[in-house]
Amino acid sequence: MKIQVLGSGCPTCKKLYELTQQAVKELGLKDEVEYITDVSKIIEMGVVSSPVLAVNGRPVMVGFLPDVEKIKSLIKEAQK
């Protein structure tokens, strides 16, 4: 599974990256979380606001900072 956090590098984006790493660890997954700050990659994904949580190349959350439990549920849902 490919898990990515895309953002400008702002504090909110960095926090989403940290929370996503925590969620992956709590779920017992071995997947790495990729942090992308390249604006062209964000645009390629078709989203216009950040931060973005993407699983397997598909945005599953855009524009806000959820808690760890929400991130875990988004990852689990994307695995199906």
PDB file of N, CA and C in Angstrom:
ATOM      1  N   MET A   1       0.846  -1.179   0.000  1.00  0.00           N
ATOM      2  CA  MET A   1       0.000   0.000   0.000  1.00  0.00           C
ATOM      3  C   MET A   1       0.890   1.241   0.000  1.00  0.00           C
ATOM      4  N   LYS A   2       0.438   2.243  -0.724  1.00  0.00           N
ATOM      5  CA  LYS A   2       1.183   3.492  -0.840  1.00  0.00           C
ATOM      6  C   LYS A   2       0.427   4.579  -0.079  1.00  0.00           C
ATOM      7  N   ILE A   3       1.047   5.114   0.972  1.00  0.00           N
ATOM      8  CA  ILE A   3       0.414   6.146   1.797  1.00  0.00           C
ATOM      9  C   ILE A   3       1.224   7.424   1.655  1.00  0.00           C
ATOM     10  N   GLN A   4       0.537   8.514   1.294  1.00  0.00           N
ATOM     11  CA  GLN A   4       1.221   9.783   1.062  1.00  0.00           C
ATOM     12  C   GLN A   4       0.504  10.921   1.779  1.00  0.00           C
ATOM     13  N   VAL A   5       1.308  11.859   2.263  1.00  0.00           N
ATOM     14  CA  VAL A   5       0.787  13.126   2.766  1.00  0.00           C
ATOM     15  C   VAL A   5       1.359  14.188   1.840  1.00  0.00           C
ATOM     16  N   LEU A   6       0.479  14.986   1.256  1.00  0.00           N
ATOM     17  CA  LEU A   6       0.905  16.050   0.356  1.00  0.00           C
ATOM     18  C   LEU A   6       0.541  17.389   0.968  1.00  0.00           C
ATOM     19  N   GLY A   7       1.482  18.313   0.907  1.00  0.00           N
ATOM     20  CA  GLY A   7       1.223  19.637   1.460  1.00  0.00           C
ATOM     21  C   GLY A   7       2.365  20.584   1.179  1.00  0.00           C
ATOM     22  N   SER A   8       2.187  21.810   1.601  1.00  0.00           N
ATOM     23  CA  SER A   8       3.157  22.867   1.318  1.00  0.00           C
ATOM     24  C   SER A   8       4.355  22.852   2.257  1.00  0.00           C
ATOM     25  N   GLY A   9       4.282  22.074   3.315  1.00  0.00           N
ATOM     26  CA  GLY A   9       5.343  22.080   4.314  1.00  0.00           C
ATOM     27  C   GLY A   9       4.971  22.928   5.515  1.00  0.00           C
ATOM     28  N   CYS A  10       3.727  23.392   5.552  1.00  0.00           N
ATOM     29  CA  CYS A  10       3.253  24.216   6.678  1.00  0.00           C
ATOM     30  C   CYS A  10       3.109  23.343   7.937  1.00  0.00           C
ATOM     31  N   PRO A  11       2.955  23.970   9.096  1.00  0.00           N
ATOM     32  CA  PRO A  11       2.809  23.195  10.342  1.00  0.00           C
ATOM     33  C   PRO A  11       1.640  22.203  10.314  1.00  0.00           C
ATOM     34  N   THR A  12       0.527  22.568   9.688  1.00  0.00           N
ATOM     35  CA  THR A  12      -0.624  21.661   9.609  1.00  0.00           C
ATOM     36  C   THR A  12      -0.277  20.434   8.781  1.00  0.00           C
ATOM     37  N   CYS A  13       0.417  20.637   7.667  1.00  0.00           N
ATOM     38  CA  CYS A  13       0.806  19.521   6.806  1.00  0.00           C
ATOM     39  C   CYS A  13       1.787  18.598   7.533  1.00  0.00           C
ATOM     40  N   LYS A  14       2.741  19.190   8.238  1.00  0.00           N
ATOM     41  CA  LYS A  14       3.716  18.394   8.993  1.00  0.00           C
ATOM     42  C   LYS A  14       3.024  17.588  10.082  1.00  0.00           C
ATOM     43  N   LYS A  15       2.034  18.196  10.724  1.00  0.00           N
ATOM     44  CA  LYS A  15       1.292  17.496  11.779  1.00  0.00           C
ATOM     45  C   LYS A  15       0.512  16.318  11.190  1.00  0.00           C
ATOM     46  N   LEU A  16      -0.092  16.503  10.013  1.00  0.00           N
ATOM     47  CA  LEU A  16      -0.796  15.396   9.361  1.00  0.00           C
ATOM     48  C   LEU A  16       0.174  14.258   9.061  1.00  0.00           C
ATOM     49  N   TYR A  17       1.374  14.597   8.613  1.00  0.00           N
ATOM     50  CA  TYR A  17       2.395  13.579   8.333  1.00  0.00           C
ATOM     51  C   TYR A  17       2.721  12.799   9.613  1.00  0.00           C
ATOM     52  N   GLU A  18       2.934  13.517  10.719  1.00  0.00           N
ATOM     53  CA  GLU A  18       3.250  12.858  11.993  1.00  0.00           C
ATOM     54  C   GLU A  18       2.102  11.972  12.455  1.00  0.00           C
ATOM     55  N   LEU A  19       0.870  12.484  12.375  1.00  0.00           N
ATOM     56  CA  LEU A  19      -0.293  11.707  12.798  1.00  0.00           C
ATOM     57  C   LEU A  19      -0.501  10.479  11.914  1.00  0.00           C
ATOM     58  N   THR A  20      -0.219  10.621  10.621  1.00  0.00           N
ATOM     59  CA  THR A  20      -0.373   9.489   9.697  1.00  0.00           C
ATOM     60  C   THR A  20       0.660   8.415  10.014  1.00  0.00           C
ATOM     61  N   GLN A  21       1.892   8.831  10.325  1.00  0.00           N
ATOM     62  CA  GLN A  21       2.911   7.849  10.729  1.00  0.00           C
ATOM     63  C   GLN A  21       2.464   7.111  11.991  1.00  0.00           C
ATOM     64  N   GLN A  22       1.899   7.837  12.936  1.00  0.00           N
ATOM     65  CA  GLN A  22       1.406   7.231  14.173  1.00  0.00           C
ATOM     66  C   GLN A  22       0.273   6.253  13.869  1.00  0.00           C
ATOM     67  N   ALA A  23      -0.644   6.643  12.999  1.00  0.00           N
ATOM     68  CA  ALA A  23      -1.775   5.781  12.643  1.00  0.00           C
ATOM     69  C   ALA A  23      -1.294   4.493  11.990  1.00  0.00           C
ATOM     70  N   VAL A  24      -0.339   4.600  11.069  1.00  0.00           N
ATOM     71  CA  VAL A  24       0.214   3.419  10.389  1.00  0.00           C
ATOM     72  C   VAL A  24       0.848   2.482  11.407  1.00  0.00           C
ATOM     73  N   LYS A  25       1.597   3.053  12.350  1.00  0.00           N
ATOM     74  CA  LYS A  25       2.237   2.248  13.390  1.00  0.00           C
ATOM     75  C   LYS A  25       1.192   1.556  14.267  1.00  0.00           C
ATOM     76  N   GLU A  26       0.149   2.312  14.675  1.00  0.00           N
ATOM     77  CA  GLU A  26      -0.903   1.731  15.521  1.00  0.00           C
ATOM     78  C   GLU A  26      -1.688   0.640  14.806  1.00  0.00           C
ATOM     79  N   LEU A  27      -1.799   0.746  13.493  1.00  0.00           N
ATOM     80  CA  LEU A  27      -2.493  -0.285  12.712  1.00  0.00           C
ATOM     81  C   LEU A  27      -1.609  -1.507  12.470  1.00  0.00           C
ATOM     82  N   GLY A  28      -0.337  -1.396  12.836  1.00  0.00           N
ATOM     83  CA  GLY A  28       0.589  -2.506  12.649  1.00  0.00           C
ATOM     84  C   GLY A  28       1.014  -2.701  11.204  1.00  0.00           C
ATOM     85  N   LEU A  29       0.946  -1.644  10.417  1.00  0.00           N
ATOM     86  CA  LEU A  29       1.328  -1.728   9.011  1.00  0.00           C
ATOM     87  C   LEU A  29       2.830  -1.481   8.860  1.00  0.00           C
ATOM     88  N   LYS A  30       3.410  -2.071   7.857  1.00  0.00           N
ATOM     89  CA  LYS A  30       4.839  -1.900   7.587  1.00  0.00           C
ATOM     90  C   LYS A  30       5.089  -0.830   6.529  1.00  0.00           C
ATOM     91  N   ASP A  31       4.017  -0.242   6.013  1.00  0.00           N
ATOM     92  CA  ASP A  31       4.138   0.735   4.929  1.00  0.00           C
ATOM     93  C   ASP A  31       4.802   2.023   5.406  1.00  0.00           C
ATOM     94  N   GLU A  32       5.613   2.594   4.533  1.00  0.00           N
ATOM     95  CA  GLU A  32       6.210   3.899   4.792  1.00  0.00           C
ATOM     96  C   GLU A  32       5.211   4.979   4.419  1.00  0.00           C
ATOM     97  N   VAL A  33       5.263   6.101   5.121  1.00  0.00           N
ATOM     98  CA  VAL A  33       4.437   7.253   4.775  1.00  0.00           C
ATOM     99  C   VAL A  33       5.337   8.236   4.040  1.00  0.00           C
ATOM    100  N   GLU A  34       4.948   8.581   2.827  1.00  0.00           N
ATOM    101  CA  GLU A  34       5.721   9.501   1.997  1.00  0.00           C
ATOM    102  C   GLU A  34       5.187  10.920   2.203  1.00  0.00           C
ATOM    103  N   TYR A  35       6.100  11.875   2.379  1.00  0.00           N
ATOM    104  CA  TYR A  35       5.709  13.277   2.569  1.00  0.00           C
ATOM    105  C   TYR A  35       6.129  14.057   1.331  1.00  0.00           C
ATOM    106  N   ILE A  36       5.159  14.608   0.613  1.00  0.00           N
ATOM    107  CA  ILE A  36       5.423  15.292  -0.655  1.00  0.00           C
ATOM    108  C   ILE A  36       5.066  16.766  -0.512  1.00  0.00           C
ATOM    109  N   THR A  37       6.045  17.631  -0.821  1.00  0.00           N
ATOM    110  CA  THR A  37       5.793  19.075  -0.762  1.00  0.00           C
ATOM    111  C   THR A  37       5.846  19.706  -2.153  1.00  0.00           C
ATOM    112  N   ASP A  38       6.001  18.877  -3.181  1.00  0.00           N
ATOM    113  CA  ASP A  38       6.057  19.363  -4.561  1.00  0.00           C
ATOM    114  C   ASP A  38       4.648  19.739  -5.028  1.00  0.00           C
ATOM    115  N   VAL A  39       4.430  21.037  -5.238  1.00  0.00           N
ATOM    116  CA  VAL A  39       3.098  21.533  -5.607  1.00  0.00           C
ATOM    117  C   VAL A  39       2.586  20.901  -6.897  1.00  0.00           C
ATOM    118  N   SER A  40       3.481  20.622  -7.840  1.00  0.00           N
ATOM    119  CA  SER A  40       3.042  20.017  -9.101  1.00  0.00           C
ATOM    120  C   SER A  40       2.449  18.627  -8.874  1.00  0.00           C
ATOM    121  N   LYS A  41       2.965  17.885  -7.902  1.00  0.00           N
ATOM    122  CA  LYS A  41       2.413  16.555  -7.582  1.00  0.00           C
ATOM    123  C   LYS A  41       1.015  16.684  -6.971  1.00  0.00           C
ATOM    124  N   ILE A  42       0.833  17.723  -6.150  1.00  0.00           N
ATOM    125  CA  ILE A  42      -0.477  17.957  -5.543  1.00  0.00           C
ATOM    126  C   ILE A  42      -1.491  18.283  -6.639  1.00  0.00           C
ATOM    127  N   ILE A  43      -1.092  19.139  -7.568  1.00  0.00           N
ATOM    128  CA  ILE A  43      -1.974  19.516  -8.683  1.00  0.00           C
ATOM    129  C   ILE A  43      -2.276  18.314  -9.563  1.00  0.00           C
ATOM    130  N   GLU A  44      -1.259  17.481  -9.821  1.00  0.00           N
ATOM    131  CA  GLU A  44      -1.442  16.254 -10.620  1.00  0.00           C
ATOM    132  C   GLU A  44      -2.546  15.370 -10.029  1.00  0.00           C
ATOM    133  N   MET A  45      -2.638  15.371  -8.705  1.00  0.00           N
ATOM    134  CA  MET A  45      -3.626  14.536  -8.041  1.00  0.00           C
ATOM    135  C   MET A  45      -5.032  15.132  -8.177  1.00  0.00           C
ATOM    136  N   GLY A  46      -5.104  16.374  -8.637  1.00  0.00           N
ATOM    137  CA  GLY A  46      -6.402  16.989  -8.893  1.00  0.00           C
ATOM    138  C   GLY A  46      -7.033  17.661  -7.687  1.00  0.00           C
ATOM    139  N   VAL A  47      -6.217  17.979  -6.694  1.00  0.00           N
ATOM    140  CA  VAL A  47      -6.753  18.673  -5.518  1.00  0.00           C
ATOM    141  C   VAL A  47      -6.184  20.088  -5.460  1.00  0.00           C
ATOM    142  N   VAL A  48      -6.951  20.992  -4.865  1.00  0.00           N
ATOM    143  CA  VAL A  48      -6.515  22.391  -4.842  1.00  0.00           C
ATOM    144  C   VAL A  48      -6.255  22.917  -3.434  1.00  0.00           C
ATOM    145  N   SER A  49      -6.533  22.134  -2.424  1.00  0.00           N
ATOM    146  CA  SER A  49      -6.215  22.577  -1.071  1.00  0.00           C
ATOM    147  C   SER A  49      -5.395  21.509  -0.366  1.00  0.00           C
ATOM    148  N   SER A  50      -4.698  21.917   0.663  1.00  0.00           N
ATOM    149  CA  SER A  50      -3.876  20.976   1.407  1.00  0.00           C
ATOM    150  C   SER A  50      -4.187  21.134   2.895  1.00  0.00           C
ATOM    151  N   PRO A  51      -3.815  20.187   3.701  1.00  0.00           N
ATOM    152  CA  PRO A  51      -3.063  18.982   3.371  1.00  0.00           C
ATOM    153  C   PRO A  51      -3.946  17.910   2.726  1.00  0.00           C
ATOM    154  N   VAL A  52      -3.268  16.947   2.104  1.00  0.00           N
ATOM    155  CA  VAL A  52      -3.950  15.840   1.442  1.00  0.00           C
ATOM    156  C   VAL A  52      -3.399  14.532   1.989  1.00  0.00           C
ATOM    157  N   LEU A  53      -4.279  13.600   2.315  1.00  0.00           N
ATOM    158  CA  LEU A  53      -3.886  12.236   2.647  1.00  0.00           C
ATOM    159  C   LEU A  53      -4.321  11.377   1.477  1.00  0.00           C
ATOM    160  N   ALA A  54      -3.359  10.687   0.868  1.00  0.00           N
ATOM    161  CA  ALA A  54      -3.663   9.832  -0.280  1.00  0.00           C
ATOM    162  C   ALA A  54      -3.243   8.401   0.019  1.00  0.00           C
ATOM    163  N   VAL A  55      -4.071   7.471  -0.408  1.00  0.00           N
ATOM    164  CA  VAL A  55      -3.761   6.044  -0.274  1.00  0.00           C
ATOM    165  C   VAL A  55      -3.848   5.435  -1.661  1.00  0.00           C
ATOM    166  N   ASN A  56      -2.757   4.781  -2.056  1.00  0.00           N
ATOM    167  CA  ASN A  56      -2.665   4.163  -3.387  1.00  0.00           C
ATOM    168  C   ASN A  56      -2.963   5.167  -4.504  1.00  0.00           C
ATOM    169  N   GLY A  57      -2.457   6.387  -4.330  1.00  0.00           N
ATOM    170  CA  GLY A  57      -2.582   7.398  -5.372  1.00  0.00           C
ATOM    171  C   GLY A  57      -3.925   8.101  -5.444  1.00  0.00           C
ATOM    172  N   ARG A  58      -4.825   7.797  -4.492  1.00  0.00           N
ATOM    173  CA  ARG A  58      -6.156   8.401  -4.492  1.00  0.00           C
ATOM    174  C   ARG A  58      -6.347   9.243  -3.230  1.00  0.00           C
ATOM    175  N   PRO A  59      -6.733  10.508  -3.370  1.00  0.00           N
ATOM    176  CA  PRO A  59      -6.975  11.328  -2.180  1.00  0.00           C
ATOM    177  C   PRO A  59      -8.124  10.769  -1.352  1.00  0.00           C
ATOM    178  N   VAL A  60      -7.904  10.583  -0.062  1.00  0.00           N
ATOM    179  CA  VAL A  60      -8.965  10.093   0.816  1.00  0.00           C
ATOM    180  C   VAL A  60      -9.388  11.171   1.819  1.00  0.00           C
ATOM    181  N   MET A  61      -8.598  12.260   1.917  1.00  0.00           N
ATOM    182  CA  MET A  61      -8.910  13.359   2.826  1.00  0.00           C
ATOM    183  C   MET A  61      -8.196  14.605   2.322  1.00  0.00           C
ATOM    184  N   VAL A  62      -8.928  15.703   2.217  1.00  0.00           N
ATOM    185  CA  VAL A  62      -8.364  16.936   1.671  1.00  0.00           C
ATOM    186  C   VAL A  62      -8.776  18.135   2.521  1.00  0.00           C
ATOM    187  N   GLY A  63      -7.784  18.962   2.878  1.00  0.00           N
ATOM    188  CA  GLY A  63      -8.068  20.277   3.418  1.00  0.00           C
ATOM    189  C   GLY A  63      -8.299  20.428   4.906  1.00  0.00           C
ATOM    190  N   PHE A  64      -8.106  19.367   5.683  1.00  0.00           N
ATOM    191  CA  PHE A  64      -8.253  19.536   7.138  1.00  0.00           C
ATOM    192  C   PHE A  64      -7.367  18.543   7.865  1.00  0.00           C
ATOM    193  N   LEU A  65      -7.249  18.726   9.175  1.00  0.00           N
ATOM    194  CA  LEU A  65      -6.390  17.885  10.001  1.00  0.00           C
ATOM    195  C   LEU A  65      -7.255  17.040  10.925  1.00  0.00           C
ATOM    196  N   PRO A  66      -7.469  15.767  10.573  1.00  0.00           N
ATOM    197  CA  PRO A  66      -8.289  14.895  11.427  1.00  0.00           C
ATOM    198  C   PRO A  66      -7.463  14.338  12.584  1.00  0.00           C
ATOM    199  N   ASP A  67      -8.126  13.648  13.496  1.00  0.00           N
ATOM    200  CA  ASP A  67      -7.391  12.988  14.573  1.00  0.00           C
ATOM    201  C   ASP A  67      -6.881  11.626  14.088  1.00  0.00           C
ATOM    202  N   VAL A  68      -6.071  10.994  14.930  1.00  0.00           N
ATOM    203  CA  VAL A  68      -5.446   9.716  14.562  1.00  0.00           C
ATOM    204  C   VAL A  68      -6.492   8.655  14.242  1.00  0.00           C
ATOM    205  N   GLU A  69      -7.566   8.592  15.009  1.00  0.00           N
ATOM    206  CA  GLU A  69      -8.598   7.579  14.776  1.00  0.00           C
ATOM    207  C   GLU A  69      -9.235   7.735  13.391  1.00  0.00           C
ATOM    208  N   LYS A  70      -9.476   8.969  12.978  1.00  0.00           N
ATOM    209  CA  LYS A  70     -10.049   9.221  11.652  1.00  0.00           C
ATOM    210  C   LYS A  70      -9.069   8.793  10.565  1.00  0.00           C
ATOM    211  N   ILE A  71      -7.794   9.093  10.756  1.00  0.00           N
ATOM    212  CA  ILE A  71      -6.776   8.690   9.779  1.00  0.00           C
ATOM    213  C   ILE A  71      -6.740   7.168   9.672  1.00  0.00           C
ATOM    214  N   LYS A  72      -6.789   6.491  10.808  1.00  0.00           N
ATOM    215  CA  LYS A  72      -6.781   5.023  10.799  1.00  0.00           C
ATOM    216  C   LYS A  72      -7.990   4.479  10.039  1.00  0.00           C
ATOM    217  N   SER A  73      -9.162   5.079  10.261  1.00  0.00           N
ATOM    218  CA  SER A  73     -10.358   4.585   9.563  1.00  0.00           C
ATOM    219  C   SER A  73     -10.258   4.859   8.059  1.00  0.00           C
ATOM    220  N   LEU A  74      -9.690   5.986   7.667  1.00  0.00           N
ATOM    221  CA  LEU A  74      -9.513   6.277   6.238  1.00  0.00           C
ATOM    222  C   LEU A  74      -8.564   5.268   5.587  1.00  0.00           C
ATOM    223  N   ILE A  75      -7.485   4.929   6.281  1.00  0.00           N
ATOM    224  CA  ILE A  75      -6.524   3.955   5.739  1.00  0.00           C
ATOM    225  C   ILE A  75      -7.184   2.589   5.624  1.00  0.00           C
ATOM    226  N   LYS A  76      -7.901   2.173   6.682  1.00  0.00           N
ATOM    227  CA  LYS A  76      -8.573   0.863   6.655  1.00  0.00           C
ATOM    228  C   LYS A  76      -9.597   0.806   5.522  1.00  0.00           C
ATOM    229  N   GLU A  77     -10.368   1.868   5.362  1.00  0.00           N
ATOM    230  CA  GLU A  77     -11.386   1.918   4.300  1.00  0.00           C
ATOM    231  C   GLU A  77     -10.736   1.821   2.924  1.00  0.00           C
ATOM    232  N   ALA A  78      -9.603   2.471   2.740  1.00  0.00           N
ATOM    233  CA  ALA A  78      -8.910   2.452   1.454  1.00  0.00           C
ATOM    234  C   ALA A  78      -8.296   1.090   1.142  1.00  0.00           C
ATOM    235  N   GLN A  79      -8.078   0.279   2.167  1.00  0.00           N
ATOM    236  CA  GLN A  79      -7.507  -1.059   1.968  1.00  0.00           C
ATOM    237  C   GLN A  79      -8.518  -2.012   1.351  1.00  0.00           C
ATOM    238  N   LYS A  80      -9.793  -1.725   1.482  1.00  0.00           N
ATOM    239  CA  LYS A  80     -10.840  -2.645   1.011  1.00  0.00           C
ATOM    240  C   LYS A  80     -10.927  -2.681  -0.493  1.00  0.00           C
TER     241      LYS A  80
END
